[in-house]
C-alpha cells in the first residue's frame, strides 16, 4: 500500500516489489543496485512518521538571541580623553602582546600550574569572580580586617593575576564566558586593578573576527568604562588611564569606531 507521501509525490527511483523481497536482510550488504534501493525503502518504512526531540532544558538557559547594541559612549569630560598618538601607541603595544601570546601559547599551556591554582569550571560564575578578584574584592572585605599581616602573598585573598600559564589554557568559549562574567560584575561595581588586568589579558586572547556575542560584550565594556570616566572628578584619578585604555582597545583595535575618543581641538597630544 502506498503512503500518503507517495500518493502526492511520485518516487524519483521507483523500485518494483519483486518476489523474495519480503525476506530481504537489512544487515547484509546488497548484492546489486536494485537490492540496495529496496533496502533503503525498507529502512525508511521502519522509521516513525513523527519524531519528538528530547531537549535538555539546561542547554536553553544561555541566551540564544544576541542583541548588539549600537548605542555610543558617554563623551569624555574636557581634558579626560587621550590624544590620538596615545591611542595609536596603545593599539600597537596591544597588537604586539597578542602576537606574543599566540606565538608562545603552546609553550605556556604546557607549564604545570602550582597546587594552589584551582581553575573554576566554565559555568561557575561566582568561582571565576573569586578566582580573578580574590576574597578581598569579591567579599568586599579589607586588608585591615586581619589581626596580623599576611607574611606571604595570598592569591586567594588578592586574586590570581592572569599569568600566561593560566590564560594560555583558556579556549575561546572560556575566554568569552569569563569576559562576560567580569563585565557584568563591572556594570554594578567600581573599577579595581584586578579587573583591569584580567580584562586586558582576556581581550588579548580574544580572536578576530569577533563573534556576535563578543561584539556585544566588548561594546558593553567600552560604554561602562566611558560612563565611569564621565563621573571622575579629577584628571589625576588613578582609574582614568585604565578606563581610557579599555575604551581605546575596543574602539581602535576591535574597530568599534563609533565608540572611539576623538582628539580634542587643543593642538597638543
Protein backbone atom coordinates (compact mmCIF):
# COMPACT_ATOMS: atom_id res chain seq x y z
CA UNK A 1 0.00 0.00 0.00
CA UNK A 2 1.31 3.39 -0.94
CA UNK A 3 1.84 6.02 1.75
CA UNK A 4 0.19 9.46 1.62
CA UNK A 5 3.50 10.99 0.57
CA UNK A 6 3.81 8.57 -2.33
CA UNK A 7 0.27 9.42 -3.44
CA UNK A 8 1.12 13.13 -3.58
CA UNK A 9 4.68 12.92 -4.85
CA UNK A 10 5.91 10.24 -7.27
CA UNK A 11 9.07 8.45 -6.23
CA UNK A 12 12.19 9.53 -8.07
CA UNK A 13 13.61 5.99 -8.03
CA UNK A 14 10.64 3.60 -8.16
CA UNK A 15 11.60 0.05 -7.28
CA UNK A 16 9.26 -2.79 -8.07
CA UNK A 17 8.39 -5.24 -5.35
CA UNK A 18 9.88 -8.48 -6.64
CA UNK A 19 9.43 -11.99 -5.34
CA UNK A 20 11.51 -12.75 -2.29
CA UNK A 21 11.77 -9.11 -1.21
CA UNK A 22 9.88 -9.91 1.98
CA UNK A 23 12.86 -11.93 3.17
CA UNK A 24 15.40 -9.22 2.34
CA UNK A 25 18.07 -8.91 5.03
CA UNK A 26 18.84 -5.35 6.14
CA UNK A 27 22.06 -6.30 7.91
CA UNK A 28 23.84 -7.89 4.97
CA UNK A 29 25.47 -5.98 2.11
CA UNK A 30 23.32 -5.51 -1.03
CA UNK A 31 24.21 -7.76 -3.97
CA UNK A 32 23.03 -5.40 -6.71
CA UNK A 33 21.69 -1.84 -7.17
CA UNK A 34 18.05 -2.95 -7.04
CA UNK A 35 18.61 -4.73 -3.74
CA UNK A 36 20.36 -1.65 -2.34
CA UNK A 37 17.40 0.59 -3.22
CA UNK A 38 14.99 -1.94 -1.74
CA UNK A 39 16.99 -1.94 1.50
CA UNK A 40 16.70 1.84 1.63
CA UNK A 41 12.93 1.55 1.15
CA UNK A 42 12.58 -0.97 3.94
CA UNK A 43 14.73 1.07 6.33
CA UNK A 44 12.63 4.15 5.60
CA UNK A 45 9.42 2.23 6.26
CA UNK A 46 10.69 1.34 9.74
CA UNK A 47 11.15 5.00 10.71
CA UNK A 48 8.30 6.54 12.74
CA UNK A 49 6.21 9.16 10.98
CA UNK A 50 6.53 11.58 13.91
CA UNK A 51 9.70 12.02 15.93
CA UNK A 52 9.83 14.04 19.17
CA UNK A 53 13.21 15.57 20.01
CA UNK A 54 14.49 15.12 23.54
CA UNK A 55 15.76 18.59 24.51
CA UNK A 56 17.74 19.25 27.66
CA UNK A 57 16.25 22.43 29.25
CA UNK A 58 19.62 23.21 30.86
CA UNK A 59 21.08 23.92 27.43
CA UNK A 60 18.48 26.62 26.85
CA UNK A 61 19.44 28.67 29.88
CA UNK A 62 22.06 30.61 27.96
CA UNK A 63 20.63 33.44 25.89
CA UNK A 64 20.26 32.44 22.26
CA UNK A 65 19.32 35.81 20.83
CA UNK A 66 22.10 38.35 20.51
CA UNK A 67 21.09 41.99 20.61
CA UNK A 68 24.11 44.01 19.57
CA UNK A 69 23.57 47.50 20.89
CA UNK A 70 24.69 50.39 18.72
CA UNK A 71 24.47 52.97 21.49
CA UNK A 72 27.52 55.19 21.79
CA UNK A 73 29.68 56.09 24.76
CA UNK A 74 29.41 58.95 27.20
CA UNK A 75 31.51 61.81 25.92
CA UNK A 76 34.68 62.34 27.92
CA UNK A 77 34.86 65.50 30.03
CA UNK A 78 37.21 68.12 28.64
CA UNK A 79 40.80 67.09 29.28
CA UNK A 80 39.94 63.47 30.15
CA UNK A 81 40.21 61.86 26.71
CA UNK A 82 43.61 60.66 25.42
CA UNK A 83 45.38 62.01 22.36
CA UNK A 84 45.30 60.18 19.05
CA UNK A 85 49.04 59.45 19.32
CA UNK A 86 48.49 57.85 22.72
CA UNK A 87 45.70 55.69 21.36
CA UNK A 88 47.77 54.57 18.37
CA UNK A 89 50.68 53.68 20.65
CA UNK A 90 48.43 51.59 22.91
CA UNK A 91 46.98 49.74 19.92
CA UNK A 92 50.47 48.96 18.63
CA UNK A 93 51.59 47.66 22.03
CA UNK A 94 48.43 45.61 22.40
CA UNK A 95 48.95 44.07 18.97
CA UNK A 96 52.48 43.02 19.98
CA UNK A 97 51.13 41.43 23.16
CA UNK A 98 48.56 39.44 21.20
CA UNK A 99 51.19 38.18 18.78
CA UNK A 100 53.43 37.14 21.67
CA UNK A 101 50.59 35.22 23.33
CA UNK A 102 49.75 33.44 20.09
CA UNK A 103 53.38 32.56 19.46
CA UNK A 104 54.02 31.21 22.95
CA UNK A 105 50.61 29.72 23.75
CA UNK A 106 51.70 26.10 23.38
CA UNK A 107 54.81 26.69 25.47
CA UNK A 108 52.98 28.31 28.40
CA UNK A 109 49.97 25.99 28.31
CA UNK A 110 52.32 23.05 28.94
CA UNK A 111 53.61 24.56 32.18
CA UNK A 112 52.37 22.81 35.29
CA UNK A 113 50.26 25.07 37.48
CA UNK A 114 51.04 25.41 41.17
CA UNK A 115 49.00 23.31 43.55
CA UNK A 116 47.12 26.37 44.81
CA UNK A 117 45.85 27.28 41.32
CA UNK A 118 42.43 25.66 41.05
CA UNK A 119 40.75 26.77 37.84
CA UNK A 120 36.96 27.19 38.17
CA UNK A 121 34.60 25.28 35.92
CA UNK A 122 33.38 27.06 32.80
CA UNK A 123 29.90 27.89 34.12
CA UNK A 124 30.95 28.69 37.70
CA UNK A 125 30.37 32.45 37.64
CA UNK A 126 30.96 33.01 41.35
CA UNK A 127 34.05 30.83 41.20
CA UNK A 128 35.56 32.95 38.42
CA UNK A 129 34.86 36.18 40.31
CA UNK A 130 36.55 34.80 43.40
CA UNK A 131 39.45 33.46 41.30
CA UNK A 132 40.10 36.73 39.45
CA UNK A 133 39.34 39.24 42.19
CA UNK A 134 40.21 37.36 45.36
CA UNK A 135 38.18 37.34 48.54
CA UNK A 136 39.14 40.92 49.39
CA UNK A 137 37.26 42.34 46.40
CA UNK A 138 34.74 39.55 45.91
CA UNK A 139 33.52 39.63 49.51
CA UNK A 140 34.10 43.34 49.97
CA UNK A 141 36.49 42.85 52.88
CA UNK A 142 39.52 44.96 53.71
CA UNK A 143 43.14 44.08 54.38
CA UNK A 144 42.89 45.96 57.66
CA UNK A 145 40.38 43.41 58.93
CA UNK A 146 43.19 40.93 59.57
CA UNK A 147 44.62 40.95 63.06
CA UNK A 148 48.10 40.19 61.73
CA UNK A 149 49.72 40.99 58.38
CA UNK A 150 49.96 38.12 55.93
CA UNK A 151 53.65 37.18 55.60
CA UNK A 152 53.36 35.92 52.00
CA UNK A 153 51.22 36.88 49.04
CA UNK A 154 47.93 35.02 49.30
CA UNK A 155 46.30 34.85 45.86
CA UNK A 156 43.08 33.54 47.37
CA UNK A 157 42.69 36.95 49.02
CA UNK A 158 44.03 39.29 46.33
CA UNK A 159 43.06 37.24 43.26
CA UNK A 160 45.16 35.30 40.78
CA UNK A 161 46.83 37.52 38.17
CA UNK A 162 46.25 36.49 34.54
CA UNK A 163 49.56 34.66 34.23
CA UNK A 164 50.39 33.36 30.76
CA UNK A 165 50.38 29.85 32.17
CA UNK A 166 46.71 30.44 33.08
CA UNK A 167 45.27 32.39 30.14
CA UNK A 168 47.07 30.17 27.62
CA UNK A 169 44.89 27.29 28.78
CA UNK A 170 41.64 29.10 28.03
CA UNK A 171 39.88 28.27 24.78
CA UNK A 172 37.70 30.85 23.04
CA UNK A 173 34.50 29.70 24.74
CA UNK A 174 36.09 30.15 28.15
CA UNK A 175 37.66 33.49 27.22
CA UNK A 176 34.29 34.87 26.15
CA UNK A 177 32.46 33.38 29.12
CA UNK A 178 34.87 34.86 31.68
CA UNK A 179 34.86 38.18 29.83
CA UNK A 180 31.07 38.31 30.07
CA UNK A 181 31.16 37.42 33.77
CA UNK A 182 33.65 40.18 34.62
CA UNK A 183 31.91 42.81 32.51
CA UNK A 184 28.56 42.02 34.13
CA UNK A 185 30.25 42.44 37.52
CA UNK A 186 31.74 45.74 36.33
CA UNK A 187 28.26 47.01 35.42
CA UNK A 188 27.32 47.01 39.10
CA UNK A 189 30.67 47.70 40.76
CA UNK A 190 33.54 50.16 40.70
CA UNK A 191 36.75 49.63 38.76
CA UNK A 192 39.53 47.75 40.59
CA UNK A 193 43.08 46.91 39.43
CA UNK A 194 42.36 43.16 39.38
CA UNK A 195 39.53 43.77 36.93
CA UNK A 196 41.72 45.84 34.64
CA UNK A 197 44.46 43.22 34.48
CA UNK A 198 42.03 40.43 33.63
CA UNK A 199 40.09 42.45 31.06
CA UNK A 200 43.31 43.36 29.25
CA UNK A 201 44.50 39.74 29.25
CA UNK A 202 41.17 38.36 28.04
CA UNK A 203 40.93 40.95 25.27
CA UNK A 204 44.45 39.97 24.24
CA UNK A 205 43.25 36.36 23.90
CA UNK A 206 40.04 37.21 22.06
CA UNK A 207 40.26 36.09 18.45
CA UNK A 208 39.22 38.12 15.44
CA UNK A 209 36.88 38.27 13.59
CA UNK A 210 34.58 38.72 16.55
CA UNK A 211 31.58 36.53 17.17
CA UNK A 212 28.29 38.43 17.68
CA UNK A 213 28.41 37.64 21.40
CA UNK A 214 31.91 39.09 21.69
CA UNK A 215 30.94 42.15 19.66
CA UNK A 216 28.10 43.00 22.04
CA UNK A 217 30.20 42.17 25.10
CA UNK A 218 33.14 44.46 24.38
CA UNK A 219 30.85 47.32 23.38
CA UNK A 220 29.20 46.97 26.76
CA UNK A 221 32.66 47.20 28.33
CA UNK A 222 33.51 50.41 26.46
CA UNK A 223 30.21 52.05 27.38
CA UNK A 224 30.58 51.18 31.06
CA UNK A 225 34.17 52.47 31.06
CA UNK A 226 33.05 55.74 29.46
CA UNK A 227 30.18 56.06 31.91
CA UNK A 228 32.52 55.67 34.88
CA UNK A 229 35.06 58.04 33.33
CA UNK A 230 32.42 60.74 32.98
CA UNK A 231 31.86 60.60 36.75
CA UNK A 232 35.52 61.14 37.68
CA UNK A 233 36.26 64.47 39.32
CA UNK A 234 39.96 64.79 38.58
CA UNK A 235 42.32 64.08 35.70
CA UNK A 236 44.72 62.72 38.30
CA UNK A 237 42.35 59.89 39.24
CA UNK A 238 44.31 56.63 39.02
CA UNK A 239 41.39 54.95 37.23
CA UNK A 240 41.48 57.31 34.25
CA UNK A 241 44.39 55.75 32.27
CA UNK A 242 42.92 52.25 32.65
CA UNK A 243 39.44 53.35 31.56
CA UNK A 244 40.87 55.23 28.58
CA UNK A 245 42.87 52.15 27.63
CA UNK A 246 39.83 49.86 27.64
CA UNK A 247 37.81 52.28 25.53
CA UNK A 248 40.75 52.68 23.16
CA UNK A 249 41.24 48.94 22.62
CA UNK A 250 37.57 48.26 22.00
CA UNK A 251 37.17 51.19 19.63
CA UNK A 252 40.52 51.30 17.84
CA UNK A 253 41.81 47.72 17.83
CA UNK A 254 38.49 45.88 17.59
CA UNK A 255 37.21 48.52 15.15
CA UNK A 256 34.17 49.75 17.05
CA UNK A 257 34.92 53.15 15.60
CA UNK A 258 31.72 54.85 16.73
CA UNK A 259 32.89 54.41 20.34
CA UNK A 260 36.33 55.95 19.79
CA UNK A 261 37.52 59.05 21.63
CA UNK A 262 38.02 61.88 19.20
CA UNK A 263 41.06 64.15 19.62
CA UNK A 264 40.31 67.37 21.42
CA UNK A 265 40.94 70.51 19.42
CA UNK A 266 43.78 71.73 21.63
CA UNK A 267 46.60 71.24 19.16
CA UNK A 268 48.56 69.14 21.66
CA UNK A 269 48.94 65.37 22.12
